[in-house]
C-alpha atoms as a PDB file:
ATOM      1  CA  UNK A   1      -0.147   0.055  -0.029  1.00  0.00           C
ATOM      2  CA  UNK A   2       2.695   2.311   1.393  1.00  0.00           C
ATOM      3  CA  UNK A   3       4.841   1.497  -2.156  1.00  0.00           C
ATOM      4  CA  UNK A   4       2.236   1.929  -4.128  1.00  0.00           C
ATOM      5  CA  UNK A   5       1.248   5.567  -2.974  1.00  0.00           C
ATOM      6  CA  UNK A   6       5.023   6.361  -3.002  1.00  0.00           C
ATOM      7  CA  UNK A   7       5.045   5.266  -7.114  1.00  0.00           C
ATOM      8  CA  UNK A   8       1.902   7.236  -7.176  1.00  0.00           C
ATOM      9  CA  UNK A   9       3.462  10.550  -5.928  1.00  0.00           C
ATOM     10  CA  UNK A  10       6.462  10.097  -8.271  1.00  0.00           C
ATOM     11  CA  UNK A  11       4.625   9.663 -11.019  1.00  0.00           C
ATOM     12  CA  UNK A  12       2.161  12.789 -10.042  1.00  0.00           C
ATOM     13  CA  UNK A  13       5.211  14.640  -9.329  1.00  0.00           C
ATOM     14  CA  UNK A  14       6.808  13.694 -12.849  1.00  0.00           C
ATOM     15  CA  UNK A  15       3.515  15.029 -14.685  1.00  0.00           C
ATOM     16  CA  UNK A  16       3.336  18.222 -12.961  1.00  0.00           C
ATOM     17  CA  UNK A  17       7.123  19.160 -13.649  1.00  0.00           C
ATOM     18  CA  UNK A  18       6.483  18.364 -17.396  1.00  0.00           C
ATOM     19  CA  UNK A  19       2.919  19.951 -17.561  1.00  0.00           C
ATOM     20  CA  UNK A  20       4.411  23.142 -16.004  1.00  0.00           C
ATOM     21  CA  UNK A  21       7.402  23.010 -18.528  1.00  0.00           C
ATOM     22  CA  UNK A  22       4.822  22.799 -21.514  1.00  0.00           C
ATOM     23  CA  UNK A  23       3.093  25.915 -19.759  1.00  0.00           C
ATOM     24  CA  UNK A  24       5.977  27.286 -19.534  1.00  0.00           C
ATOM     25  CA  UNK A  25       6.747  27.179 -23.204  1.00  0.00           C
ATOM     26  CA  UNK A  26       3.211  27.920 -24.043  1.00  0.00           C
ATOM     27  CA  UNK A  27       3.591  31.870 -21.950  1.00  0.00           C
ATOM     28  CA  UNK A  28       7.060  32.436 -23.760  1.00  0.00           C
ATOM     29  CA  UNK A  29       6.064  31.205 -27.315  1.00  0.00           C
ATOM     30  CA  UNK A  30       2.268  32.001 -27.688  1.00  0.00           C
ATOM     31  CA  UNK A  31       3.062  35.806 -28.546  1.00  0.00           C
ATOM     32  CA  UNK A  32       5.343  34.944 -31.442  1.00  0.00           C
ATOM     33  CA  UNK A  33       3.099  32.691 -32.744  1.00  0.00           C
ATOM     34  CA  UNK A  34       0.497  35.079 -32.600  1.00  0.00           C
ATOM     35  CA  UNK A  35       1.837  38.226 -34.000  1.00  0.00           C
ATOM     36  CA  UNK A  36       3.744  35.723 -36.596  1.00  0.00           C
ATOM     37  CA  UNK A  37       0.282  35.968 -38.335  1.00  0.00           C
ATOM     38  CA  UNK A  38       0.565  39.704 -39.330  1.00  0.00           C
ATOM     39  CA  UNK A  39       4.328  39.673 -39.910  1.00  0.00           C
ATOM     40  CA  UNK A  40       3.942  40.191 -43.363  1.00  0.00           C
ATOM     41  CA  UNK A  41       1.371  42.925 -43.016  1.00  0.00           C
ATOM     42  CA  UNK A  42       3.298  45.164 -41.142  1.00  0.00           C
ATOM     43  CA  UNK A  43       6.852  46.653 -41.296  1.00  0.00           C
ATOM     44  CA  UNK A  44       9.226  44.375 -38.970  1.00  0.00           C
ATOM     45  CA  UNK A  45      10.116  47.529 -36.825  1.00  0.00           C
ATOM     46  CA  UNK A  46       6.321  47.808 -36.107  1.00  0.00           C
ATOM     47  CA  UNK A  47       6.092  43.860 -35.784  1.00  0.00           C
ATOM     48  CA  UNK A  48       8.819  43.829 -32.960  1.00  0.00           C
ATOM     49  CA  UNK A  49       7.447  46.793 -31.106  1.00  0.00           C
ATOM     50  CA  UNK A  50       4.024  44.852 -31.274  1.00  0.00           C
ATOM     51  CA  UNK A  51       6.265  41.770 -30.073  1.00  0.00           C
ATOM     52  CA  UNK A  52       7.806  43.370 -26.976  1.00  0.00           C
ATOM     53  CA  UNK A  53       4.423  45.074 -26.120  1.00  0.00           C
ATOM     54  CA  UNK A  54       2.871  41.438 -26.181  1.00  0.00           C
ATOM     55  CA  UNK A  55       5.177  40.377 -24.349  1.00  0.00           C
ATOM     56  CA  UNK A  56       5.468  43.178 -21.778  1.00  0.00           C
ATOM     57  CA  UNK A  57       1.727  42.800 -21.173  1.00  0.00           C
ATOM     58  CA  UNK A  58       1.774  39.017 -20.150  1.00  0.00           C
ATOM     59  CA  UNK A  59       4.582  39.769 -17.866  1.00  0.00           C
ATOM     60  CA  UNK A  60       2.840  42.424 -16.009  1.00  0.00           C
ATOM     61  CA  UNK A  61      -0.531  40.359 -15.856  1.00  0.00           C
ATOM     62  CA  UNK A  62       2.081  37.469 -14.861  1.00  0.00           C
ATOM     63  CA  UNK A  63       3.728  39.232 -11.947  1.00  0.00           C
ATOM     64  CA  UNK A  64       0.362  40.968 -10.692  1.00  0.00           C
ATOM     65  CA  UNK A  65      -1.311  37.683 -10.756  1.00  0.00           C
ATOM     66  CA  UNK A  66       1.303  34.921  -9.532  1.00  0.00           C
ATOM     67  CA  UNK A  67       4.455  37.205  -8.577  1.00  0.00           C
ATOM     68  CA  UNK A  68       5.700  34.092  -6.779  1.00  0.00           C
ATOM     69  CA  UNK A  69       5.011  31.693  -8.819  1.00  0.00           C
ATOM     70  CA  UNK A  70       6.938  33.595 -11.422  1.00  0.00           C
ATOM     71  CA  UNK A  71       9.942  34.206  -9.065  1.00  0.00           C
ATOM     72  CA  UNK A  72      10.537  30.724  -8.654  1.00  0.00           C
ATOM     73  CA  UNK A  73       8.563  29.226 -11.603  1.00  0.00           C
ATOM     74  CA  UNK A  74      10.179  31.395 -14.528  1.00  0.00           C
ATOM     75  CA  UNK A  75      13.444  31.605 -13.272  1.00  0.00           C
ATOM     76  CA  UNK A  76      13.143  35.325 -12.193  1.00  0.00           C
ATOM     77  CA  UNK A  77      15.479  35.240  -9.110  1.00  0.00           C
ATOM     78  CA  UNK A  78      17.974  37.434 -11.048  1.00  0.00           C
ATOM     79  CA  UNK A  79      15.502  40.393 -10.702  1.00  0.00           C
ATOM     80  CA  UNK A  80      14.669  40.235  -7.073  1.00  0.00           C
ATOM     81  CA  UNK A  81      15.228  43.933  -6.817  1.00  0.00           C
ATOM     82  CA  UNK A  82      11.913  44.074  -8.743  1.00  0.00           C
ATOM     83  CA  UNK A  83       9.879  41.679  -7.067  1.00  0.00           C
ATOM     84  CA  UNK A  84      11.393  43.319  -3.515  1.00  0.00           C
ATOM     85  CA  UNK A  85      10.142  46.694  -5.112  1.00  0.00           C
ATOM     86  CA  UNK A  86       6.415  45.465  -5.853  1.00  0.00           C
ATOM     87  CA  UNK A  87       5.814  42.979  -3.692  1.00  0.00           C
ATOM     88  CA  UNK A  88       7.845  43.518   0.663  1.00  0.00           C
ATOM     89  CA  UNK A  89       7.439  40.216   1.068  1.00  0.00           C
ATOM     90  CA  UNK A  90       9.698  38.469  -1.087  1.00  0.00           C
ATOM     91  CA  UNK A  91      12.967  39.598   1.124  1.00  0.00           C
ATOM     92  CA  UNK A  92      11.355  36.291   2.680  1.00  0.00           C
ATOM     93  CA  UNK A  93      11.362  34.227  -0.281  1.00  0.00           C
ATOM     94  CA  UNK A  94      13.731  31.777  -0.858  1.00  0.00           C
ATOM     95  CA  UNK A  95      17.235  32.418  -1.948  1.00  0.00           C
ATOM     96  CA  UNK A  96      17.330  35.941  -0.171  1.00  0.00           C
ATOM     97  CA  UNK A  97      21.373  36.723  -0.516  1.00  0.00           C
ATOM     98  CA  UNK A  98      21.172  39.157   2.982  1.00  0.00           C
END
């Protein structure tokens, strides 16, 4: 019984890791795919500006909705200073150099 529960826990952990990696890929890749629909209808500079704006909007929404998950899951620890400015409790998140 205990061995079955342990196997189930390992399987669920592996499944969640794969699912989160796919979700991360969708978050990073979907703006490029979406903007590719209009790449030939505008000049390249406008396309890059629209792509940047789209990534900025996705990033801002992500930081507002789930800041701690963005900090850990998206590997944004090097931007700790920004998280601490927006969320004072970020000082107590794991990996604090102080």
